[in-house]
Protein backbone atom coordinates (compact mmCIF):
# COMPACT_ATOMS: atom_id res chain seq x y z
CA UNK A 1 -13.98 -33.46 10.78
CA UNK A 2 -14.20 -31.81 14.24
CA UNK A 3 -16.49 -28.69 14.44
CA UNK A 4 -14.69 -25.49 14.94
CA UNK A 5 -15.77 -22.45 16.86
CA UNK A 6 -14.96 -19.07 15.60
CA UNK A 7 -15.74 -15.52 16.46
CA UNK A 8 -16.34 -12.60 14.20
CA UNK A 9 -14.59 -10.17 16.43
CA UNK A 10 -11.15 -8.92 15.38
CA UNK A 11 -8.06 -10.23 17.28
CA UNK A 12 -5.95 -7.82 19.24
CA UNK A 13 -3.48 -7.83 16.19
CA UNK A 14 -6.19 -6.71 13.70
CA UNK A 15 -4.37 -6.72 10.22
CA UNK A 16 -7.04 -4.63 8.50
CA UNK A 17 -5.62 -1.51 6.86
CA UNK A 18 -8.22 1.30 7.55
CA UNK A 19 -7.02 3.47 4.66
CA UNK A 20 -7.42 0.80 2.06
CA UNK A 21 -10.52 -0.13 0.09
CA UNK A 22 -11.08 -2.78 -2.62
CA UNK A 23 -12.60 -0.09 -4.78
CA UNK A 24 -9.05 1.32 -5.09
CA UNK A 25 -7.91 -1.84 -7.01
CA UNK A 26 -8.74 -1.82 -10.65
CA UNK A 27 -10.57 -5.03 -12.06
CA UNK A 28 -12.05 -6.28 -8.68
CA UNK A 29 -15.79 -7.03 -8.35
CA UNK A 30 -17.81 -4.48 -6.36
CA UNK A 31 -17.99 -5.58 -2.65
CA UNK A 32 -20.97 -7.37 -1.40
CA UNK A 33 -22.98 -5.45 1.20
CA UNK A 34 -22.32 -6.23 4.80
CA UNK A 35 -25.55 -8.10 5.17
CA UNK A 36 -24.51 -10.59 2.46
CA UNK A 37 -21.02 -11.41 3.95
CA UNK A 38 -20.40 -14.51 6.06
CA UNK A 39 -18.68 -13.74 9.47
CA UNK A 40 -14.86 -13.75 9.38
CA UNK A 41 -13.60 -17.02 10.54
CA UNK A 42 -9.81 -16.27 10.36
CA UNK A 43 -7.43 -13.53 10.18
CA UNK A 44 -5.32 -15.21 7.35
CA UNK A 45 -5.96 -18.01 5.22
CA UNK A 46 -2.76 -19.53 3.47
CA UNK A 47 -3.03 -21.57 0.34
CA UNK A 48 -0.25 -24.21 0.32
CA UNK A 49 1.60 -25.99 3.17
CA UNK A 50 5.15 -26.05 1.66
CA UNK A 51 8.04 -24.52 3.50
CA UNK A 52 6.81 -20.99 2.97
CA UNK A 53 3.14 -21.63 3.93
CA UNK A 54 4.22 -23.57 7.07
CA UNK A 55 6.82 -21.08 8.16
CA UNK A 56 4.37 -18.10 7.51
CA UNK A 57 1.68 -19.80 9.50
CA UNK A 58 4.05 -20.15 12.48
CA UNK A 59 5.23 -16.61 12.47
CA UNK A 60 1.55 -15.45 12.22
CA UNK A 61 0.76 -17.56 15.28
CA UNK A 62 3.56 -15.87 17.25
CA UNK A 63 1.62 -12.63 16.98
CA UNK A 64 -1.72 -14.23 17.89
CA UNK A 65 -3.06 -14.13 14.42
CA UNK A 66 -5.82 -16.72 13.68
CA UNK A 67 -4.49 -18.70 10.69
CA UNK A 68 -5.67 -21.55 8.53
CA UNK A 69 -3.51 -23.35 6.02
CA UNK A 70 -5.11 -25.24 3.24
CA UNK A 71 -3.12 -27.83 1.34
CA UNK A 72 -4.54 -29.54 -1.70
CA UNK A 73 -2.55 -32.69 -1.11
CA UNK A 74 -4.04 -35.18 1.21
CA UNK A 75 -0.62 -36.54 2.26
CA UNK A 76 2.76 -34.99 2.53
CA UNK A 77 4.40 -35.16 -0.96
CA UNK A 78 7.61 -37.41 -1.23
CA UNK A 79 8.93 -35.41 -4.27
CA UNK A 80 11.99 -33.48 -3.31
CA UNK A 81 12.69 -29.98 -4.63
CA UNK A 82 14.80 -28.75 -1.72
CA UNK A 83 17.88 -30.73 -0.49
CA UNK A 84 19.40 -28.46 2.17
CA UNK A 85 19.64 -25.27 4.16
CA UNK A 86 22.25 -22.46 3.56
CA UNK A 87 23.94 -20.56 6.24
CA UNK A 88 21.27 -17.80 6.46
CA UNK A 89 18.33 -20.28 6.59
CA UNK A 90 20.18 -22.14 9.43
CA UNK A 91 20.55 -18.93 11.28
CA UNK A 92 16.82 -18.25 10.93
CA UNK A 93 16.02 -21.76 12.29
CA UNK A 94 18.24 -21.14 15.26
CA UNK A 95 16.57 -17.66 16.01
CA UNK A 96 13.26 -19.56 16.21
CA UNK A 97 14.52 -22.29 18.39
CA UNK A 98 14.01 -24.83 15.46
CA UNK A 99 17.52 -25.69 14.84
CA UNK A 100 17.97 -28.61 17.29
CA UNK A 101 15.03 -30.64 15.93
CA UNK A 102 16.27 -29.93 12.31
CA UNK A 103 19.83 -30.96 12.95
CA UNK A 104 18.71 -34.39 14.03
CA UNK A 105 17.52 -35.10 10.59
CA UNK A 106 20.20 -33.52 8.51
CA UNK A 107 23.85 -33.93 7.59
CA UNK A 108 26.27 -30.96 8.07
CA UNK A 109 28.56 -30.23 5.28
CA UNK A 110 31.46 -27.57 4.75
CA UNK A 111 30.21 -24.30 3.47
CA UNK A 112 31.24 -23.61 -0.26
CA UNK A 113 29.79 -22.41 -3.49
CA UNK A 114 30.39 -21.53 -7.07
CA UNK A 115 30.08 -18.68 -9.52
CA UNK A 116 29.83 -18.92 -13.19
CA UNK A 117 30.25 -22.76 -12.74
CA UNK A 118 33.67 -22.09 -10.90
CA UNK A 119 33.72 -23.98 -7.60
CA UNK A 120 34.96 -21.88 -4.77
CA UNK A 121 35.50 -22.60 -0.99
CA UNK A 122 33.79 -20.61 1.64
CA UNK A 123 35.67 -17.47 2.79
CA UNK A 124 37.63 -17.95 6.00
CA UNK A 125 36.30 -16.48 9.29
CA UNK A 126 32.68 -16.24 8.46
CA UNK A 127 30.83 -14.24 11.05
CA UNK A 128 28.19 -16.87 11.86
CA UNK A 129 27.69 -19.47 14.61
CA UNK A 130 26.39 -21.78 11.89
CA UNK A 131 29.09 -21.55 8.97
CA UNK A 132 28.02 -24.80 7.32
CA UNK A 133 25.49 -26.40 5.05
CA UNK A 134 22.86 -28.71 6.18
CA UNK A 135 21.75 -31.48 3.83
CA UNK A 136 18.12 -32.15 4.62
CA UNK A 137 15.27 -33.21 1.99
CA UNK A 138 12.18 -31.02 1.48
CA UNK A 139 9.64 -33.62 2.81
CA UNK A 140 11.41 -33.54 6.30
CA UNK A 141 11.72 -29.80 6.39
CA UNK A 142 8.16 -29.37 5.51
CA UNK A 143 7.05 -31.88 8.27
CA UNK A 144 9.02 -30.12 10.86
CA UNK A 145 7.81 -26.65 10.07
CA UNK A 146 4.20 -27.74 9.75
CA UNK A 147 4.60 -29.61 13.23
CA UNK A 148 5.95 -26.38 14.52
CA UNK A 149 3.02 -24.34 13.17
CA UNK A 150 0.45 -26.71 14.66
CA UNK A 151 2.17 -26.59 18.22
CA UNK A 152 1.67 -22.82 18.06
CA UNK A 153 -1.89 -23.06 17.30
CA UNK A 154 -2.16 -22.94 13.57
CA UNK A 155 -4.98 -25.08 11.90
CA UNK A 156 -3.79 -27.28 8.78
CA UNK A 157 -6.42 -28.86 6.56
CA UNK A 158 -5.17 -31.21 3.89
CA UNK A 159 -7.19 -32.36 0.84
CA UNK A 160 -8.55 -28.74 0.44
CA UNK A 161 -7.81 -27.10 -2.81
CA UNK A 162 -8.56 -23.35 -3.37
CA UNK A 163 -10.95 -23.20 -6.40
CA UNK A 164 -11.93 -19.53 -6.30
CA UNK A 165 -12.04 -16.27 -4.00
CA UNK A 166 -13.84 -13.07 -4.02
CA UNK A 167 -12.55 -10.17 -1.86
CA UNK A 168 -14.28 -6.93 -0.67
CA UNK A 169 -13.26 -4.06 1.83
CA UNK A 170 -13.60 -6.27 4.95
CA UNK A 171 -12.18 -9.75 3.86
CA UNK A 172 -11.72 -12.57 1.35
CA UNK A 173 -14.23 -15.27 0.70
CA UNK A 174 -12.37 -18.52 -0.28
CA UNK A 175 -14.21 -21.21 -2.11
CA UNK A 176 -12.87 -24.83 -2.02
CA UNK A 177 -12.97 -27.41 -4.66
CA UNK A 178 -15.88 -29.17 -2.91
CA UNK A 179 -17.95 -25.97 -2.69
CA UNK A 180 -17.29 -25.02 0.85
CA UNK A 181 -16.64 -21.33 1.60
CA UNK A 182 -14.41 -20.00 4.19
CA UNK A 183 -13.76 -16.28 5.04
CA UNK A 184 -10.77 -14.38 6.32
CA UNK A 185 -9.24 -11.05 6.50
CA UNK A 186 -6.40 -11.93 4.19
CA UNK A 187 -5.53 -14.65 1.81
CA UNK A 188 -1.92 -15.56 0.97
CA UNK A 189 -0.91 -17.70 -2.04
CA UNK A 190 1.99 -20.05 -1.12
CA UNK A 191 1.04 -22.62 -3.56
CA UNK A 192 4.05 -22.86 -5.74
CA UNK A 193 5.31 -21.84 -9.13
CA UNK A 194 2.09 -22.94 -10.82
CA UNK A 195 0.03 -21.04 -8.15
CA UNK A 196 -3.69 -21.22 -8.42
CA UNK A 197 -4.09 -18.10 -6.31
CA UNK A 198 -1.91 -16.04 -8.66
CA UNK A 199 -3.72 -17.23 -11.73
CA UNK A 200 -7.07 -16.44 -10.15
CA UNK A 201 -5.83 -13.00 -9.16
CA UNK A 202 -4.81 -12.42 -12.73
CA UNK A 203 -1.23 -11.48 -11.76
CA UNK A 204 1.23 -12.01 -14.61
CA UNK A 205 4.23 -14.17 -14.20
CA UNK A 206 6.90 -12.96 -16.90
CA UNK A 207 10.29 -14.40 -17.13
CA UNK A 208 12.35 -17.10 -18.82
CA UNK A 209 11.29 -20.67 -19.37
CA UNK A 210 13.51 -23.68 -18.48
CA UNK A 211 16.14 -24.31 -20.99
CA UNK A 212 18.07 -27.07 -19.11
CA UNK A 213 16.86 -29.86 -16.81
CA UNK A 214 18.94 -31.68 -14.15
CA UNK A 215 18.13 -34.95 -12.30
CA UNK A 216 18.91 -35.05 -8.55
CA UNK A 217 18.40 -37.99 -6.08
CA UNK A 218 19.90 -40.01 -3.24
CA UNK A 219 20.52 -43.73 -3.86
CA UNK A 220 22.69 -46.53 -3.33
CA UNK A 221 25.55 -47.56 -6.07
CA UNK A 222 26.90 -50.93 -6.95
CA UNK A 223 30.53 -50.15 -7.86
CA UNK A 224 33.64 -49.25 -5.95
CA UNK A 225 34.19 -45.75 -4.75
CA UNK A 226 37.46 -45.34 -6.55
CA UNK A 227 35.78 -45.96 -9.92
CA UNK A 228 33.08 -43.31 -9.10
CA UNK A 229 35.66 -40.78 -8.10
CA UNK A 230 37.74 -41.22 -11.24
CA UNK A 231 34.76 -40.89 -13.45
CA UNK A 232 33.38 -37.88 -11.62
CA UNK A 233 36.83 -36.11 -11.98
CA UNK A 234 37.05 -36.98 -15.74
CA UNK A 235 33.41 -35.78 -16.50
CA UNK A 236 33.67 -32.72 -14.18
CA UNK A 237 36.21 -31.16 -16.55
CA UNK A 238 33.46 -30.55 -19.09
CA UNK A 239 30.09 -31.04 -17.39
CA UNK A 240 29.51 -29.02 -14.28
CA UNK A 241 25.93 -30.43 -13.59
CA UNK A 242 27.23 -33.84 -12.78
CA UNK A 243 28.45 -35.44 -9.66
CA UNK A 244 28.11 -38.31 -7.23
CA UNK A 245 28.66 -37.24 -3.62
CA UNK A 246 29.13 -40.09 -0.89
CA UNK A 247 27.12 -39.98 2.14
CA UNK A 248 28.71 -43.24 3.45
CA UNK A 249 27.57 -46.77 3.54
CA UNK A 250 27.26 -46.91 -0.30
CA UNK A 251 24.73 -44.09 -0.36
CA UNK A 252 25.36 -41.26 -2.79
CA UNK A 253 23.74 -37.92 -3.90
CA UNK A 254 23.50 -38.22 -7.71
CA UNK A 255 23.27 -35.18 -9.93
CA UNK A 256 23.06 -35.62 -13.75
CA UNK A 257 21.96 -33.26 -16.76
CA UNK A 258 19.08 -34.21 -19.00
CA UNK A 259 18.85 -33.69 -22.69
CA UNK A 260 15.73 -31.49 -23.13
CA UNK A 261 13.08 -30.17 -20.81
CA UNK A 262 10.09 -32.21 -19.38
CA UNK A 263 7.17 -31.62 -17.24
CA UNK A 264 8.46 -30.89 -13.76
CA UNK A 265 5.14 -31.85 -12.22
CA UNK A 266 6.01 -35.56 -12.87
CA UNK A 267 8.76 -36.92 -10.65
CA UNK A 268 11.71 -38.81 -12.39
CA UNK A 269 12.16 -42.60 -12.11
CA UNK A 270 15.25 -44.61 -11.28
CA UNK A 271 15.18 -45.82 -14.83
CA UNK A 272 15.53 -41.98 -15.88
CA UNK A 273 18.67 -41.78 -13.79
CA UNK A 274 20.26 -44.95 -15.19
CA UNK A 275 19.56 -43.73 -18.76
CA UNK A 276 21.09 -40.34 -18.25
CA UNK A 277 24.05 -41.80 -16.34
CA UNK A 278 24.76 -44.09 -19.18
CA UNK A 279 24.57 -41.25 -21.66
CA UNK A 280 26.91 -38.94 -19.81
CA UNK A 281 29.22 -41.43 -18.07
CA UNK A 282 28.91 -44.61 -20.07
CA UNK A 283 27.75 -46.52 -16.94
CA UNK A 284 24.88 -46.29 -14.49
CA UNK A 285 27.04 -47.23 -11.62
CA UNK A 286 24.73 -49.82 -10.63
CA UNK A 287 22.48 -47.44 -8.91
CA UNK A 288 19.51 -48.76 -6.95
CA UNK A 289 17.37 -48.44 -3.89
CA UNK A 290 16.57 -44.55 -4.24
CA UNK A 291 15.87 -42.66 -0.99
CA UNK A 292 14.27 -39.72 -3.02
CA UNK A 293 14.35 -38.55 -6.67
CA UNK A 294 13.77 -35.11 -8.05
CA UNK A 295 14.46 -32.76 -11.11
CA UNK A 296 14.97 -29.05 -11.49
CA UNK A 297 15.17 -26.56 -14.24
CA UNK A 298 16.51 -23.12 -14.71
CA UNK A 299 13.29 -21.10 -15.24
CA UNK A 300 13.19 -17.61 -13.79
CA UNK A 301 10.11 -15.73 -13.31
CA UNK A 302 8.74 -12.87 -11.12
CA UNK A 303 5.20 -12.09 -10.45
CA UNK A 304 4.20 -8.56 -11.76
CA UNK A 305 2.73 -7.68 -8.11
CA UNK A 306 2.95 -9.51 -4.64
CA UNK A 307 -0.33 -8.12 -3.52
CA UNK A 308 -3.68 -7.17 -5.06
CA UNK A 309 -6.06 -5.89 -2.42
CA UNK A 310 -6.28 -8.46 0.53
CA UNK A 311 -4.62 -11.24 -1.37
CA UNK A 312 -0.77 -11.57 -1.31
CA UNK A 313 1.64 -13.97 -2.93
CA UNK A 314 5.00 -15.53 -1.30
CA UNK A 315 7.58 -18.17 -1.98
CA UNK A 316 7.58 -19.76 -5.45
CA UNK A 317 4.06 -18.33 -6.09
CA UNK A 318 5.80 -14.87 -6.35
CA UNK A 319 9.10 -15.86 -7.88
CA UNK A 320 10.97 -18.90 -9.19
CA UNK A 321 14.66 -19.18 -10.10
CA UNK A 322 17.27 -22.04 -10.40
CA UNK A 323 18.26 -23.59 -6.96
CA UNK A 324 21.96 -23.78 -8.16
CA UNK A 325 23.94 -21.66 -5.81
CA UNK A 326 21.36 -21.82 -3.03
CA UNK A 327 19.24 -18.77 -3.75
CA UNK A 328 15.86 -20.79 -3.79
CA UNK A 329 16.48 -24.47 -3.43
CA UNK A 330 18.14 -23.95 0.00
CA UNK A 331 15.09 -22.24 1.29
CA UNK A 332 16.41 -18.84 1.95
CA UNK A 333 13.78 -16.93 0.02
CA UNK A 334 11.00 -19.49 0.89
CA UNK A 335 11.58 -18.94 4.50
CA UNK A 336 11.75 -15.20 4.16
CA UNK A 337 8.62 -15.42 1.96
CA UNK A 338 9.65 -12.89 -0.49
């Protein structure tokens, strides 16, 4: 690891709110005396380098904020939770000059949607220069956003899990799993629906648990397109969470419902897809050679607070809801951060 040089002097964009003290927040420990505090290394530490964390880091760097992103995974994850960008997300990427590099890795599709399981085409004459959907898997999006943040001067450290933190009137001391301590003015938990930061903060996460589960992936099939189209039309009359969408050259996006709810922390296998396809359609369509595999549920939860003192929550750490329809799975709320 390269040694890093920091200064304890505030940046020109000092984020400290002078009218706020940690003593105003119930349940927080008494702040340590100034003599006991380590020097401030960063303005903001972000826990989690997913879409929200990476985008937030880039936005902060545009304002000359010293930012460090901590990601517990040592390597980028291949598990896909996001499969595309909706119109507003695409517009945001264009505003930040990121769209061209993203378009190279995605597939444009006509805009459309559904309400109450009723498929609807997009309205005509949408007032947007980007009135389309862009299919692009989460690992690609995260890589591009992380790359963008680093280009702007953000520091990203992988294999660094937040284990604990303590805040006072001037900042937050963050302790990593290996015992290392870092200090910043603010900490933002962008560490997902099972957020460690939120749990350590003691913020409740009320809502509704998942009652349904759906498998989603991209893979090759071994039967003619006509057979697939006929079966999809037949089953689509009664099952809305089922489709096989062709991407050309024998590659399909496969979506199929699951009986029961499992642990979403575990990615599905190709055999899981085959089994559910046989259950729903009577055939597994000869699926093979998966590009990526994922699953999603319909849980809906909202953090009781987005901020306690100098610690904030964003993205799935603050709220989760089903990706169907594009509210979350298409990145809009993640890129906006709330």
